[in-house]
Protein backbone atom coordinates (compact mmCIF):
# COMPACT_ATOMS: atom_id res chain seq x y z
CA UNK A 1 12.99 24.52 -4.68
CA UNK A 2 12.91 28.21 -3.82
CA UNK A 3 13.61 29.28 -0.24
CA UNK A 4 10.08 30.64 0.33
CA UNK A 5 8.61 27.37 -0.94
CA UNK A 6 10.73 25.39 1.53
CA UNK A 7 9.19 27.32 4.40
CA UNK A 8 5.66 26.40 3.33
CA UNK A 9 6.09 22.65 2.82
CA UNK A 10 3.06 20.80 4.20
CA UNK A 11 4.19 17.23 3.51
CA UNK A 12 6.91 15.50 1.51
CA UNK A 13 7.98 11.96 0.74
CA UNK A 14 8.26 9.25 -1.88
CA UNK A 15 5.27 8.26 -4.02
CA UNK A 16 5.05 6.19 -7.20
CA UNK A 17 3.59 8.10 -10.15
CA UNK A 18 2.17 6.81 -13.41
CA UNK A 19 3.69 8.49 -16.45
CA UNK A 20 1.61 10.38 -19.02
CA UNK A 21 3.61 9.63 -22.17
CA UNK A 22 5.16 6.29 -21.25
CA UNK A 23 2.53 4.51 -19.19
CA UNK A 24 4.89 3.12 -16.58
CA UNK A 25 5.22 3.75 -12.86
CA UNK A 26 8.21 5.65 -11.47
CA UNK A 27 9.31 6.66 -8.00
CA UNK A 28 9.22 10.40 -7.40
CA UNK A 29 9.88 12.65 -4.40
CA UNK A 30 6.71 14.71 -3.81
CA UNK A 31 6.45 18.03 -2.00
CA UNK A 32 3.02 19.40 -1.06
CA UNK A 33 2.75 23.19 -0.97
CA UNK A 34 -0.31 25.35 -0.16
CA UNK A 35 -1.41 25.42 -3.80
CA UNK A 36 0.36 22.62 -5.70
CA UNK A 37 2.28 19.36 -5.66
CA UNK A 38 5.87 19.36 -6.89
CA UNK A 39 7.61 16.13 -7.85
CA UNK A 40 11.28 15.40 -8.38
CA UNK A 41 13.31 12.59 -9.89
CA UNK A 42 15.47 10.81 -7.29
CA UNK A 43 19.06 11.13 -8.52
CA UNK A 44 21.07 7.97 -7.89
CA UNK A 45 18.67 7.00 -5.14
CA UNK A 46 18.82 10.44 -3.48
CA UNK A 47 15.94 12.90 -3.21
CA UNK A 48 17.40 15.83 -5.15
CA UNK A 49 15.58 19.19 -5.14
CA UNK A 50 17.35 20.23 -8.35
CA UNK A 51 15.66 17.60 -10.53
CA UNK A 52 12.12 18.99 -10.70
CA UNK A 53 10.07 16.85 -13.09
CA UNK A 54 6.74 18.61 -12.85
CA UNK A 55 3.98 20.09 -10.74
CA UNK A 56 0.30 19.49 -10.17
CA UNK A 57 -1.81 22.61 -9.56
CA UNK A 58 -4.43 21.86 -6.92
CA UNK A 59 -6.88 24.70 -7.52
CA UNK A 60 -10.23 23.19 -8.54
CA UNK A 61 -8.60 19.76 -8.47
CA UNK A 62 -10.68 16.73 -7.46
CA UNK A 63 -9.36 13.75 -5.52
CA UNK A 64 -10.50 10.13 -5.35
CA UNK A 65 -9.17 7.83 -2.65
CA UNK A 66 -9.09 4.92 -2.83
CA UNK A 67 -8.91 4.76 -6.62
CA UNK A 68 -10.34 1.52 -8.03
CA UNK A 69 -8.98 1.74 -11.58
CA UNK A 70 -5.99 -0.53 -10.86
CA UNK A 71 -6.95 -3.87 -9.33
CA UNK A 72 -3.49 -4.72 -7.99
CA UNK A 73 -2.76 -1.21 -6.72
CA UNK A 74 -5.15 -0.49 -3.83
CA UNK A 75 -2.93 2.31 -2.50
CA UNK A 76 -3.46 4.68 -5.41
CA UNK A 77 -4.77 8.26 -5.16
CA UNK A 78 -6.27 9.85 -8.26
CA UNK A 79 -6.05 13.60 -8.85
CA UNK A 80 -7.98 15.26 -11.66
CA UNK A 81 -6.97 18.83 -12.47
CA UNK A 82 -9.36 21.48 -13.77
CA UNK A 83 -7.76 20.90 -17.21
CA UNK A 84 -9.04 17.27 -16.93
CA UNK A 85 -5.47 15.96 -16.68
CA UNK A 86 -5.41 12.88 -14.43
CA UNK A 87 -2.56 11.94 -12.10
CA UNK A 88 -2.24 8.56 -10.36
CA UNK A 89 -0.05 8.45 -7.24
CA UNK A 90 0.67 5.33 -5.19
CA UNK A 91 1.68 5.34 -1.52
CA UNK A 92 3.51 2.61 0.38
CA UNK A 93 0.73 1.83 2.87
CA UNK A 94 -2.92 2.59 3.61
CA UNK A 95 -1.89 4.86 6.47
CA UNK A 96 0.52 6.85 4.30
CA UNK A 97 -2.00 6.99 1.45
CA UNK A 98 -4.71 8.32 3.74
CA UNK A 99 -2.34 10.91 5.23
CA UNK A 100 -1.44 12.19 1.78
CA UNK A 101 -5.10 12.19 0.73
CA UNK A 102 -6.15 14.10 3.85
CA UNK A 103 -3.44 16.75 3.42
CA UNK A 104 -4.16 17.19 -0.30
CA UNK A 105 -7.89 17.38 0.39
CA UNK A 106 -7.26 20.07 2.99
CA UNK A 107 -5.26 22.11 0.47
CA UNK A 108 -7.94 21.69 -2.21
CA UNK A 109 -10.66 22.75 0.23
CA UNK A 110 -8.72 25.84 1.29
CA UNK A 111 -8.26 27.13 -2.27
CA UNK A 112 -11.36 25.57 -3.86
CA UNK A 113 -14.06 25.45 -1.14
CA UNK A 114 -16.70 24.01 -3.47
CA UNK A 115 -14.67 20.94 -4.47
CA UNK A 116 -15.91 17.51 -3.37
CA UNK A 117 -13.90 15.73 -0.62
CA UNK A 118 -12.60 12.18 -0.72
CA UNK A 119 -14.74 9.48 -2.31
CA UNK A 120 -13.90 7.24 0.64
CA UNK A 121 -15.68 9.60 3.03
CA UNK A 122 -19.00 8.73 1.39
CA UNK A 123 -18.82 5.17 2.65
CA UNK A 124 -17.04 5.74 5.95
CA UNK A 125 -19.57 8.35 7.03
CA UNK A 126 -22.25 5.64 6.90
CA UNK A 127 -20.38 3.40 9.34
CA UNK A 128 -19.90 3.71 13.11
CA UNK A 129 -16.87 5.85 14.02
CA UNK A 130 -15.21 3.00 15.97
CA UNK A 131 -14.83 0.76 12.89
CA UNK A 132 -11.21 -0.30 12.30
CA UNK A 133 -10.48 -2.19 9.07
CA UNK A 134 -7.18 -3.49 10.42
CA UNK A 135 -8.84 -4.89 13.54
CA UNK A 136 -11.66 -6.42 11.49
CA UNK A 137 -9.34 -8.20 9.07
CA UNK A 138 -7.23 -9.53 11.97
CA UNK A 139 -10.39 -10.96 13.55
CA UNK A 140 -11.89 -12.23 10.33
CA UNK A 141 -8.76 -14.28 9.63
CA UNK A 142 -8.61 -15.70 13.16
CA UNK A 143 -8.82 -19.49 13.00
CA UNK A 144 -11.31 -19.60 15.89
CA UNK A 145 -13.35 -16.39 15.63
CA UNK A 146 -13.03 -15.64 11.94
CA UNK A 147 -15.05 -16.53 8.90
CA UNK A 148 -14.80 -20.13 7.77
CA UNK A 149 -13.38 -20.65 4.29
CA UNK A 150 -14.56 -23.63 2.25
CA UNK A 151 -14.45 -24.90 -1.32
CA UNK A 152 -17.14 -23.38 -3.52
CA UNK A 153 -18.05 -24.29 -7.10
CA UNK A 154 -19.11 -21.78 -9.75
CA UNK A 155 -19.78 -22.75 -13.37
CA UNK A 156 -17.53 -25.79 -13.16
CA UNK A 157 -14.62 -24.04 -11.42
CA UNK A 158 -13.71 -24.95 -7.85
CA UNK A 159 -12.53 -22.11 -5.61
CA UNK A 160 -10.72 -23.40 -2.52
CA UNK A 161 -10.55 -21.36 0.69
CA UNK A 162 -13.39 -19.07 -0.35
CA UNK A 163 -16.55 -17.69 1.22
CA UNK A 164 -19.78 -16.21 -0.10
CA UNK A 165 -20.91 -12.63 0.06
CA UNK A 166 -23.86 -13.43 2.29
CA UNK A 167 -21.58 -15.37 4.67
CA UNK A 168 -19.37 -12.30 4.97
CA UNK A 169 -22.35 -10.04 5.68
CA UNK A 170 -23.67 -12.48 8.30
CA UNK A 171 -20.27 -12.58 9.98
CA UNK A 172 -19.94 -8.77 10.03
CA UNK A 173 -23.42 -8.43 11.55
CA UNK A 174 -22.65 -10.90 14.32
CA UNK A 175 -19.17 -9.67 15.28
CA UNK A 176 -18.88 -5.92 14.53
CA UNK A 177 -20.80 -2.81 15.50
CA UNK A 178 -22.74 -2.57 12.22
CA UNK A 179 -26.48 -2.70 12.80
CA UNK A 180 -27.91 -3.54 9.38
CA UNK A 181 -27.12 -5.53 6.27
CA UNK A 182 -26.72 -2.24 4.42
CA UNK A 183 -23.95 -1.16 6.83
CA UNK A 184 -22.36 -4.61 6.58
CA UNK A 185 -22.32 -4.43 2.77
CA UNK A 186 -20.79 -0.93 2.96
CA UNK A 187 -18.08 -2.25 5.28
CA UNK A 188 -17.45 -5.24 2.99
CA UNK A 189 -17.09 -2.80 0.07
CA UNK A 190 -14.32 -1.01 1.97
CA UNK A 191 -12.56 -4.32 2.69
CA UNK A 192 -12.78 -5.10 -1.03
CA UNK A 193 -11.47 -1.67 -2.07
CA UNK A 194 -8.59 -1.89 0.39
CA UNK A 195 -7.58 -5.26 -1.09
CA UNK A 196 -8.16 -7.17 2.16
CA UNK A 197 -10.55 -9.46 0.30
CA UNK A 198 -10.82 -10.30 -3.39
CA UNK A 199 -13.67 -11.12 -5.74
CA UNK A 200 -12.84 -14.49 -7.33
CA UNK A 201 -15.94 -15.73 -9.14
CA UNK A 202 -17.50 -14.43 -12.33
CA UNK A 203 -20.50 -12.89 -10.55
CA UNK A 204 -18.52 -11.12 -7.81
CA UNK A 205 -15.75 -9.99 -10.16
CA UNK A 206 -18.27 -8.39 -12.51
CA UNK A 207 -19.89 -6.52 -9.62
CA UNK A 208 -16.54 -5.32 -8.26
CA UNK A 209 -15.57 -4.03 -11.69
CA UNK A 210 -18.83 -2.41 -12.77
CA UNK A 211 -20.87 -1.83 -9.61
CA UNK A 212 -21.68 1.60 -8.24
CA UNK A 213 -20.49 2.81 -4.83
CA UNK A 214 -22.77 0.43 -2.96
CA UNK A 215 -22.89 -2.44 -5.43
CA UNK A 216 -19.28 -3.51 -5.64
CA UNK A 217 -19.83 -6.19 -2.99
CA UNK A 218 -22.75 -8.60 -3.29
CA UNK A 219 -24.78 -9.84 -0.33
CA UNK A 220 -25.40 -13.05 -2.24
CA UNK A 221 -24.95 -16.76 -1.48
CA UNK A 222 -23.57 -17.37 -5.00
CA UNK A 223 -21.05 -14.49 -5.09
CA UNK A 224 -17.58 -15.78 -4.14
CA UNK A 225 -14.72 -14.03 -2.34
CA UNK A 226 -11.42 -14.93 -0.69
CA UNK A 227 -8.68 -13.25 1.29
CA UNK A 228 -6.66 -11.30 -1.27
CA UNK A 229 -3.29 -12.90 -0.57
CA UNK A 230 -4.66 -16.45 -0.46
CA UNK A 231 -6.05 -16.50 -4.01
CA UNK A 232 -3.70 -17.68 -6.73
CA UNK A 233 -4.65 -17.94 -10.39
CA UNK A 234 -4.05 -21.59 -11.22
CA UNK A 235 -2.61 -20.74 -14.62
CA UNK A 236 -0.08 -18.37 -13.08
CA UNK A 237 0.87 -20.33 -9.98
CA UNK A 238 4.57 -21.00 -9.53
CA UNK A 239 6.07 -23.44 -7.01
CA UNK A 240 8.32 -20.77 -5.48
CA UNK A 241 5.34 -18.48 -4.85
CA UNK A 242 3.32 -21.25 -3.26
CA UNK A 243 6.24 -22.13 -0.99
CA UNK A 244 6.31 -18.54 0.33
CA UNK A 245 2.66 -18.61 1.39
CA UNK A 246 3.57 -19.17 5.07
CA UNK A 247 6.12 -16.37 5.28
CA UNK A 248 3.79 -13.98 3.44
CA UNK A 249 0.92 -14.87 5.76
CA UNK A 250 2.37 -13.12 8.79
CA UNK A 251 0.82 -10.00 10.25
CA UNK A 252 2.17 -6.76 8.77
CA UNK A 253 3.62 -4.56 11.51
CA UNK A 254 5.37 -1.91 9.41
CA UNK A 255 5.82 -0.94 5.76
CA UNK A 256 7.30 1.93 3.79
CA UNK A 257 9.62 3.07 1.02
CA UNK A 258 13.34 2.59 1.60
CA UNK A 259 16.40 2.63 -0.66
CA UNK A 260 18.26 -0.67 -1.00
CA UNK A 261 21.72 -1.26 -2.44
CA UNK A 262 21.89 -4.09 -4.98
CA UNK A 263 24.10 -7.08 -4.22
CA UNK A 264 25.70 -7.30 -7.69
CA UNK A 265 25.63 -3.88 -9.37
CA UNK A 266 25.74 -1.98 -6.06
CA UNK A 267 23.24 0.58 -7.36
CA UNK A 268 20.49 2.05 -5.21
CA UNK A 269 16.84 1.35 -5.94
CA UNK A 270 13.65 2.33 -4.21
CA UNK A 271 11.81 -0.62 -2.70
CA UNK A 272 8.62 -0.98 -0.68
CA UNK A 273 9.64 -2.86 2.46
CA UNK A 274 7.11 -4.89 4.44
CA UNK A 275 7.89 -6.15 7.93
CA UNK A 276 5.85 -9.15 9.07
CA UNK A 277 5.61 -11.09 12.30
CA UNK A 278 4.54 -14.68 13.09
CA UNK A 279 6.68 -15.60 11.23
CA UNK A 280 9.12 -12.68 11.26
CA UNK A 281 10.19 -11.76 7.73
CA UNK A 282 11.30 -8.64 5.90
CA UNK A 283 10.21 -8.57 2.25
CA UNK A 284 10.82 -5.94 -0.38
CA UNK A 285 8.83 -5.16 -3.51
CA UNK A 286 9.51 -3.23 -6.70
CA UNK A 287 6.96 -0.39 -6.44
CA UNK A 288 7.14 0.31 -10.18
CA UNK A 289 5.79 -3.15 -11.08
CA UNK A 290 2.13 -4.11 -11.05
CA UNK A 291 2.60 -7.15 -8.82
CA UNK A 292 1.81 -8.33 -5.31
CA UNK A 293 4.82 -10.63 -5.14
CA UNK A 294 8.08 -9.56 -3.45
CA UNK A 295 11.33 -9.42 -5.39
CA UNK A 296 13.21 -10.54 -2.30
CA UNK A 297 13.08 -11.15 1.41
CA UNK A 298 14.59 -13.02 4.32
CA UNK A 299 13.70 -14.35 7.79
CA UNK A 300 14.66 -12.05 10.65
CA UNK A 301 15.43 -14.63 13.29
CA UNK A 302 19.08 -14.29 14.28
CA UNK A 303 19.67 -11.19 12.13
CA UNK A 304 21.96 -8.38 13.26
CA UNK A 305 20.91 -4.78 12.57
CA UNK A 306 22.73 -1.54 13.22
CA UNK A 307 22.79 2.11 12.17
CA UNK A 308 25.79 3.27 10.13
CA UNK A 309 27.61 6.53 10.70
CA UNK A 310 26.56 9.45 8.51
CA UNK A 311 30.02 11.02 8.35
CA UNK A 312 31.53 9.41 5.27
CA UNK A 313 30.66 6.34 3.22
CA UNK A 314 31.05 3.05 5.12
CA UNK A 315 32.98 0.13 3.67
CA UNK A 316 30.80 -1.95 1.34
CA UNK A 317 28.62 1.00 0.34
CA UNK A 318 28.87 2.60 -3.10
CA UNK A 319 27.10 5.24 -5.15
CA UNK A 320 25.19 8.33 -4.05
CA UNK A 321 24.47 8.10 -0.34
CA UNK A 322 22.38 10.70 1.46
CA UNK A 323 22.91 9.27 4.92
CA UNK A 324 20.45 7.64 7.33
CA UNK A 325 21.97 4.23 6.52
CA UNK A 326 21.48 0.99 8.37
CA UNK A 327 22.75 -2.52 7.80
CA UNK A 328 21.17 -5.95 8.27
CA UNK A 329 23.25 -9.14 8.39
CA UNK A 330 21.22 -12.32 8.04
CA UNK A 331 21.97 -15.71 9.59
CA UNK A 332 23.40 -16.74 6.21
CA UNK A 333 25.83 -13.78 6.41
CA UNK A 334 24.14 -11.82 3.61
CA UNK A 335 24.65 -8.07 4.08
CA UNK A 336 21.85 -5.63 3.23
CA UNK A 337 22.53 -1.88 3.08
CA UNK A 338 19.41 0.29 3.36
CA UNK A 339 18.77 4.06 3.39
CA UNK A 340 15.86 5.77 5.12
CA UNK A 341 14.68 9.26 4.21
CA UNK A 342 15.37 10.65 7.69
CA UNK A 343 17.11 9.74 10.95
CA UNK A 344 13.75 9.37 12.65
CA UNK A 345 12.54 6.92 10.02
CA UNK A 346 15.78 4.95 10.31
CA UNK A 347 15.36 4.69 14.09
CA UNK A 348 11.75 3.49 13.72
CA UNK A 349 12.75 0.75 11.27
CA UNK A 350 15.69 -0.42 13.38
CA UNK A 351 13.56 -0.66 16.53
CA UNK A 352 10.72 -2.44 14.70
CA UNK A 353 13.10 -5.00 13.14
CA UNK A 354 14.97 -5.60 16.40
CA UNK A 355 11.70 -6.66 18.02
CA UNK A 356 11.43 -9.45 15.43
CA UNK A 357 14.99 -10.74 15.57
């Protein structure tokens, strides 16, 4: 990156990008400038400014967030350049996705004032300003105050722990600040787009896939939905995934991209880490795979966590190390070496994990 470009960086960080030639997802280090997005290939797990892979010009670019084209990737942003080239970028969390989308939208607006803003704004502008999706989903899943899940039958298939579209709308009307069924349906659409809930029956799935902006969620007593993480396809269910239902059911308190050293090959790979509480677990996911299941994780009770010195490579660590290391030792004496992208990020993760140990 040129020196003058460094001085104009608006935002930078890891995102997962879908390839144009080979249609796979790869981790890239993105840098937002006043007129374009640059992206680099991480070299050996390090963000290396000498490995520029490409750039996305933002003049007359349009942005869609959230992008609904990938069912299992609710954190994707879609950029469409004036040449009609489409770019799909995935963030590590809703908060990070929305921050990137807001910054990119601001850039697009400054150089292309006539471009349309975020698709998401269309729905959110309809709702009261004090609506919080995170608060709503916490309440809706509450065993006392939340919506009651039951077994529902559709065309001979039984869906356990499900609820109907009309039941969801009724619940939203009675417990949130929406004032009409139209507002409640709009809010339910956002919960569906953000992957908090999932369409599970034929009728609701068809609407979610083909409906317009207001018709993706059905206010219907025969349209079936469930909490996204609770629904398992019976044909794909595996005992080990079912056993992890409790640990994956905890409340998410922090998530983000971190580099993790492998236990066998000792190479560094980017992983999306998710910290949960009640019960306290740290899971990590392969962000290049189209899956909602972690590739690993461990309980945090009794774990030891500490920052590692940045002057030199500590014992047990191999490969390209950029610093900002920390180490977690589990109760079973398994050692995890992790790199953050900055000292501030490392401190935030250490403090958040310590609260759960």
